[in-house]
N, C-alpha and C. Protein backbone atom coordinates (compact mmCIF):
# COMPACT_ATOMS: atom_id res chain seq x y z
N UNK A 1 9.60 15.75 -14.97
CA UNK A 1 9.58 14.31 -14.74
C UNK A 1 8.36 13.70 -15.45
N UNK A 2 8.59 12.56 -16.04
CA UNK A 2 7.54 11.86 -16.74
C UNK A 2 6.47 11.36 -15.76
N UNK A 3 5.20 11.50 -16.16
CA UNK A 3 4.10 11.03 -15.31
C UNK A 3 4.16 9.50 -15.21
N UNK A 4 4.06 9.01 -13.99
CA UNK A 4 4.11 7.57 -13.77
C UNK A 4 2.74 6.95 -13.97
N UNK A 5 2.71 5.77 -14.53
CA UNK A 5 1.47 5.01 -14.66
C UNK A 5 1.08 4.46 -13.29
N UNK A 6 -0.16 4.09 -13.14
CA UNK A 6 -0.60 3.51 -11.88
C UNK A 6 0.15 2.20 -11.59
N UNK A 7 0.46 1.45 -12.62
CA UNK A 7 1.22 0.21 -12.43
C UNK A 7 2.60 0.50 -11.87
N UNK A 8 3.26 1.53 -12.40
CA UNK A 8 4.60 1.89 -11.93
C UNK A 8 4.53 2.40 -10.48
N UNK A 9 3.49 3.16 -10.14
CA UNK A 9 3.33 3.63 -8.77
C UNK A 9 3.17 2.43 -7.82
N UNK A 10 2.38 1.45 -8.22
CA UNK A 10 2.21 0.24 -7.41
C UNK A 10 3.54 -0.49 -7.24
N UNK A 11 4.30 -0.62 -8.31
CA UNK A 11 5.60 -1.28 -8.24
C UNK A 11 6.57 -0.52 -7.34
N UNK A 12 6.55 0.80 -7.40
CA UNK A 12 7.41 1.63 -6.55
C UNK A 12 7.01 1.48 -5.08
N UNK A 13 5.72 1.40 -4.81
CA UNK A 13 5.25 1.20 -3.43
C UNK A 13 5.73 -0.15 -2.89
N UNK A 14 5.62 -1.16 -3.72
CA UNK A 14 6.09 -2.50 -3.31
C UNK A 14 7.57 -2.47 -3.00
N UNK A 15 8.34 -1.84 -3.86
CA UNK A 15 9.79 -1.75 -3.66
C UNK A 15 10.12 -1.02 -2.36
N UNK A 16 9.46 0.10 -2.10
CA UNK A 16 9.71 0.87 -0.88
C UNK A 16 9.34 0.06 0.37
N UNK A 17 8.21 -0.65 0.32
CA UNK A 17 7.79 -1.47 1.46
C UNK A 17 8.80 -2.58 1.74
N UNK A 18 9.28 -3.22 0.69
CA UNK A 18 10.23 -4.31 0.86
C UNK A 18 11.57 -3.82 1.40
N UNK A 19 11.92 -2.56 1.13
CA UNK A 19 13.15 -2.01 1.69
C UNK A 19 13.09 -1.93 3.21
N UNK A 20 11.89 -1.83 3.77
CA UNK A 20 11.71 -1.78 5.22
C UNK A 20 11.29 -3.14 5.77
N UNK A 21 11.58 -4.18 5.01
CA UNK A 21 11.34 -5.57 5.41
C UNK A 21 9.88 -5.94 5.56
N UNK A 22 9.00 -5.24 4.82
CA UNK A 22 7.62 -5.72 4.73
C UNK A 22 7.65 -7.09 4.08
N UNK A 23 6.74 -7.94 4.46
CA UNK A 23 6.72 -9.27 3.85
C UNK A 23 5.38 -9.53 3.19
N UNK A 24 5.39 -10.54 2.33
CA UNK A 24 4.16 -10.95 1.65
C UNK A 24 3.53 -9.77 0.89
N UNK A 25 4.37 -8.99 0.22
CA UNK A 25 3.88 -7.80 -0.50
C UNK A 25 3.30 -8.24 -1.84
N UNK A 26 2.05 -7.87 -2.06
CA UNK A 26 1.36 -8.25 -3.29
C UNK A 26 0.76 -7.02 -3.96
N UNK A 27 0.70 -7.08 -5.27
CA UNK A 27 0.01 -6.07 -6.06
C UNK A 27 -1.20 -6.73 -6.70
N UNK A 28 -2.38 -6.19 -6.43
CA UNK A 28 -3.60 -6.70 -7.03
C UNK A 28 -4.05 -5.75 -8.13
N UNK A 29 -4.21 -6.28 -9.33
CA UNK A 29 -4.72 -5.48 -10.45
C UNK A 29 -6.24 -5.50 -10.38
N UNK A 30 -6.82 -4.33 -10.14
CA UNK A 30 -8.27 -4.23 -9.96
C UNK A 30 -8.93 -3.37 -11.04
N UNK A 31 -8.21 -3.13 -12.12
CA UNK A 31 -8.72 -2.25 -13.18
C UNK A 31 -10.08 -2.69 -13.71
N UNK A 32 -10.30 -3.97 -13.80
CA UNK A 32 -11.55 -4.47 -14.36
C UNK A 32 -12.63 -4.68 -13.30
N UNK A 33 -12.29 -4.46 -12.02
CA UNK A 33 -13.23 -4.71 -10.95
C UNK A 33 -13.72 -3.45 -10.25
N UNK A 34 -12.89 -2.42 -10.24
CA UNK A 34 -13.23 -1.20 -9.51
C UNK A 34 -13.15 0.02 -10.40
N UNK A 35 -13.95 1.01 -10.10
CA UNK A 35 -13.87 2.25 -10.86
C UNK A 35 -13.06 3.31 -10.12
N UNK A 36 -12.82 3.11 -8.82
CA UNK A 36 -12.14 4.15 -8.05
C UNK A 36 -10.63 3.96 -7.93
N UNK A 37 -10.09 2.82 -8.31
CA UNK A 37 -8.64 2.65 -8.31
C UNK A 37 -8.25 1.50 -9.23
N UNK A 38 -6.97 1.50 -9.61
CA UNK A 38 -6.44 0.47 -10.51
C UNK A 38 -5.77 -0.68 -9.77
N UNK A 39 -5.07 -0.34 -8.68
CA UNK A 39 -4.27 -1.35 -7.97
C UNK A 39 -4.40 -1.20 -6.46
N UNK A 40 -4.35 -2.34 -5.78
CA UNK A 40 -4.10 -2.39 -4.34
C UNK A 40 -2.69 -2.93 -4.19
N UNK A 41 -1.93 -2.35 -3.30
CA UNK A 41 -0.67 -2.94 -2.86
C UNK A 41 -0.92 -3.34 -1.41
N UNK A 42 -0.67 -4.59 -1.09
CA UNK A 42 -0.93 -5.11 0.24
C UNK A 42 0.38 -5.65 0.80
N UNK A 43 0.71 -5.19 2.01
CA UNK A 43 1.97 -5.58 2.65
C UNK A 43 1.71 -5.88 4.11
N UNK A 44 2.58 -6.68 4.70
CA UNK A 44 2.48 -7.00 6.12
C UNK A 44 3.76 -6.60 6.84
N UNK A 45 3.56 -6.16 8.08
CA UNK A 45 4.68 -5.90 8.99
C UNK A 45 4.48 -6.71 10.25
N UNK A 46 5.55 -6.81 11.04
CA UNK A 46 5.49 -7.62 12.26
C UNK A 46 4.91 -6.88 13.46
N UNK A 47 5.04 -5.55 13.45
CA UNK A 47 4.58 -4.76 14.59
C UNK A 47 3.93 -3.48 14.09
N UNK A 48 3.20 -2.81 14.97
CA UNK A 48 2.60 -1.51 14.63
C UNK A 48 3.69 -0.48 14.30
N UNK A 49 4.79 -0.55 15.04
CA UNK A 49 5.91 0.38 14.79
C UNK A 49 6.49 0.13 13.40
N UNK A 50 6.68 -1.13 13.05
CA UNK A 50 7.19 -1.44 11.71
C UNK A 50 6.21 -0.98 10.64
N UNK A 51 4.91 -1.17 10.87
CA UNK A 51 3.92 -0.73 9.89
C UNK A 51 4.00 0.78 9.66
N UNK A 52 4.15 1.53 10.75
CA UNK A 52 4.28 2.99 10.60
C UNK A 52 5.56 3.34 9.86
N UNK A 53 6.64 2.61 10.13
CA UNK A 53 7.90 2.86 9.42
C UNK A 53 7.76 2.54 7.93
N UNK A 54 7.06 1.47 7.61
CA UNK A 54 6.81 1.11 6.20
C UNK A 54 6.00 2.22 5.53
N UNK A 55 4.95 2.67 6.19
CA UNK A 55 4.12 3.75 5.64
C UNK A 55 4.96 5.01 5.45
N UNK A 56 5.77 5.35 6.45
CA UNK A 56 6.64 6.53 6.34
C UNK A 56 7.59 6.41 5.15
N UNK A 57 8.15 5.23 4.96
CA UNK A 57 9.08 4.99 3.84
C UNK A 57 8.38 5.20 2.51
N UNK A 58 7.19 4.67 2.37
CA UNK A 58 6.43 4.82 1.12
C UNK A 58 6.10 6.29 0.88
N UNK A 59 5.60 6.96 1.91
CA UNK A 59 5.25 8.38 1.78
C UNK A 59 6.48 9.20 1.38
N UNK A 60 7.60 8.97 2.05
CA UNK A 60 8.82 9.71 1.73
C UNK A 60 9.31 9.40 0.32
N UNK A 61 9.26 8.14 -0.06
CA UNK A 61 9.70 7.73 -1.41
C UNK A 61 8.90 8.48 -2.47
N UNK A 62 7.59 8.56 -2.28
CA UNK A 62 6.76 9.25 -3.26
C UNK A 62 6.92 10.77 -3.20
N UNK A 63 7.15 11.31 -2.01
CA UNK A 63 7.39 12.76 -1.93
C UNK A 63 8.64 13.14 -2.71
N UNK A 64 9.65 12.29 -2.67
CA UNK A 64 10.87 12.54 -3.45
C UNK A 64 10.57 12.50 -4.95
N UNK A 65 9.51 11.83 -5.34
CA UNK A 65 9.09 11.75 -6.73
C UNK A 65 7.99 12.78 -7.03
N UNK A 66 7.74 13.67 -6.09
CA UNK A 66 6.69 14.70 -6.15
C UNK A 66 5.28 14.12 -6.33
N UNK A 67 5.05 13.00 -5.67
CA UNK A 67 3.73 12.37 -5.64
C UNK A 67 3.26 12.42 -4.18
N UNK A 68 2.10 13.03 -3.96
CA UNK A 68 1.60 13.12 -2.58
C UNK A 68 0.32 12.30 -2.43
N UNK A 69 0.19 11.76 -1.24
CA UNK A 69 -0.98 10.94 -0.93
C UNK A 69 -2.21 11.82 -0.81
N UNK A 70 -3.35 11.25 -1.14
CA UNK A 70 -4.62 11.94 -1.01
C UNK A 70 -5.14 11.83 0.43
N UNK A 71 -4.84 10.70 1.06
CA UNK A 71 -5.36 10.44 2.40
C UNK A 71 -4.54 9.34 3.05
N UNK A 72 -4.40 9.43 4.37
CA UNK A 72 -3.77 8.38 5.17
C UNK A 72 -4.74 8.06 6.30
N UNK A 73 -5.01 6.79 6.50
CA UNK A 73 -5.89 6.37 7.59
C UNK A 73 -5.23 5.25 8.38
N UNK A 74 -5.51 5.21 9.67
CA UNK A 74 -5.05 4.12 10.52
C UNK A 74 -3.62 4.24 10.99
N UNK A 75 -2.96 5.35 10.71
CA UNK A 75 -1.54 5.49 11.03
C UNK A 75 -1.29 5.43 12.54
N UNK A 76 -2.06 6.15 13.31
CA UNK A 76 -1.80 6.21 14.76
C UNK A 76 -2.03 4.86 15.43
N UNK A 77 -3.01 4.10 14.95
CA UNK A 77 -3.29 2.78 15.53
C UNK A 77 -2.29 1.74 15.01
N UNK A 78 -1.97 1.80 13.73
CA UNK A 78 -0.88 1.01 13.16
C UNK A 78 -1.14 -0.42 12.77
N UNK A 79 -2.31 -0.96 13.04
CA UNK A 79 -2.54 -2.37 12.66
C UNK A 79 -3.00 -2.51 11.21
N UNK A 80 -3.61 -1.46 10.66
CA UNK A 80 -3.98 -1.42 9.24
C UNK A 80 -3.86 0.03 8.80
N UNK A 81 -2.83 0.31 8.05
CA UNK A 81 -2.61 1.66 7.55
C UNK A 81 -2.97 1.68 6.07
N UNK A 82 -3.78 2.66 5.70
CA UNK A 82 -4.20 2.81 4.31
C UNK A 82 -3.61 4.11 3.77
N UNK A 83 -2.91 4.01 2.66
CA UNK A 83 -2.34 5.16 1.96
C UNK A 83 -3.05 5.26 0.62
N UNK A 84 -3.74 6.35 0.40
CA UNK A 84 -4.54 6.53 -0.81
C UNK A 84 -3.78 7.43 -1.79
N UNK A 85 -3.38 6.85 -2.91
CA UNK A 85 -2.74 7.59 -3.99
C UNK A 85 -3.64 7.60 -5.22
N UNK A 86 -4.93 7.70 -5.01
CA UNK A 86 -5.95 7.75 -6.07
C UNK A 86 -5.99 6.43 -6.83
N UNK A 87 -5.24 6.27 -7.87
CA UNK A 87 -5.29 5.05 -8.69
C UNK A 87 -4.65 3.85 -8.00
N UNK A 88 -3.90 4.11 -6.93
CA UNK A 88 -3.24 3.04 -6.17
C UNK A 88 -3.55 3.25 -4.69
N UNK A 89 -4.05 2.20 -4.06
CA UNK A 89 -4.31 2.23 -2.62
C UNK A 89 -3.42 1.19 -1.97
N UNK A 90 -2.66 1.65 -0.98
CA UNK A 90 -1.68 0.80 -0.31
C UNK A 90 -2.20 0.45 1.07
N UNK A 91 -2.16 -0.83 1.41
CA UNK A 91 -2.60 -1.33 2.70
C UNK A 91 -1.39 -1.95 3.40
N UNK A 92 -1.10 -1.50 4.61
CA UNK A 92 -0.02 -2.08 5.41
C UNK A 92 -0.67 -2.66 6.66
N UNK A 93 -0.60 -3.97 6.80
CA UNK A 93 -1.32 -4.70 7.84
C UNK A 93 -0.39 -5.38 8.84
N UNK A 94 -0.88 -5.57 10.05
CA UNK A 94 -0.36 -6.64 10.89
C UNK A 94 -0.92 -7.93 10.30
N UNK A 95 -0.15 -9.00 10.36
CA UNK A 95 -0.55 -10.22 9.66
C UNK A 95 -1.91 -10.75 10.11
N UNK A 96 -2.22 -10.73 11.42
CA UNK A 96 -3.52 -11.27 11.85
C UNK A 96 -4.68 -10.42 11.32
N UNK A 97 -4.49 -9.13 11.21
CA UNK A 97 -5.53 -8.24 10.67
C UNK A 97 -5.67 -8.51 9.16
N UNK A 98 -4.56 -8.72 8.50
CA UNK A 98 -4.61 -9.02 7.06
C UNK A 98 -5.37 -10.31 6.80
N UNK A 99 -5.10 -11.32 7.59
CA UNK A 99 -5.81 -12.60 7.41
C UNK A 99 -7.30 -12.44 7.68
N UNK A 100 -7.65 -11.64 8.68
CA UNK A 100 -9.05 -11.43 9.03
C UNK A 100 -9.81 -10.77 7.88
N UNK A 101 -9.25 -9.70 7.31
CA UNK A 101 -9.96 -8.98 6.24
C UNK A 101 -9.78 -9.63 4.88
N UNK A 102 -8.69 -10.33 4.67
CA UNK A 102 -8.45 -11.15 3.49
C UNK A 102 -8.79 -10.42 2.17
N UNK A 103 -8.22 -9.24 2.00
CA UNK A 103 -8.52 -8.46 0.80
C UNK A 103 -8.14 -9.17 -0.50
N UNK A 104 -7.08 -9.95 -0.47
CA UNK A 104 -6.66 -10.66 -1.68
C UNK A 104 -7.78 -11.56 -2.21
N UNK A 105 -8.38 -12.32 -1.32
CA UNK A 105 -9.46 -13.22 -1.74
C UNK A 105 -10.72 -12.43 -2.07
N UNK A 106 -11.03 -11.46 -1.26
CA UNK A 106 -12.24 -10.65 -1.47
C UNK A 106 -12.25 -9.99 -2.86
N UNK A 107 -11.10 -9.45 -3.28
CA UNK A 107 -11.07 -8.68 -4.53
C UNK A 107 -10.61 -9.48 -5.74
N UNK A 108 -10.22 -10.74 -5.56
CA UNK A 108 -9.81 -11.51 -6.73
C UNK A 108 -10.80 -12.62 -7.07
N UNK A 109 -11.85 -12.78 -6.28
CA UNK A 109 -12.84 -13.81 -6.60
C UNK A 109 -13.66 -13.40 -7.82
């Protein structure tokens, strides 16, 4: 299988999240701002259960593509789940937590 670019991995994560009805899914290009990753994918779910289901969908989607996560954080609590795929970091938030941390504004200013 052809190696996927970080942009394609971000796009695949967005697609998988949207299949589980994640909303407000955004891809932030951080190549010129960060040295540790190229993209953030940020998505929102309505409940902690939905957030875990979204994370599970993304993890399973990438496992089928033989891509494994480096780290998962926040899964058991479910209000902010972080999936680390090295060049792409995926954040799945409850909407109020997303607004509080406001990563989109923080990393695009």
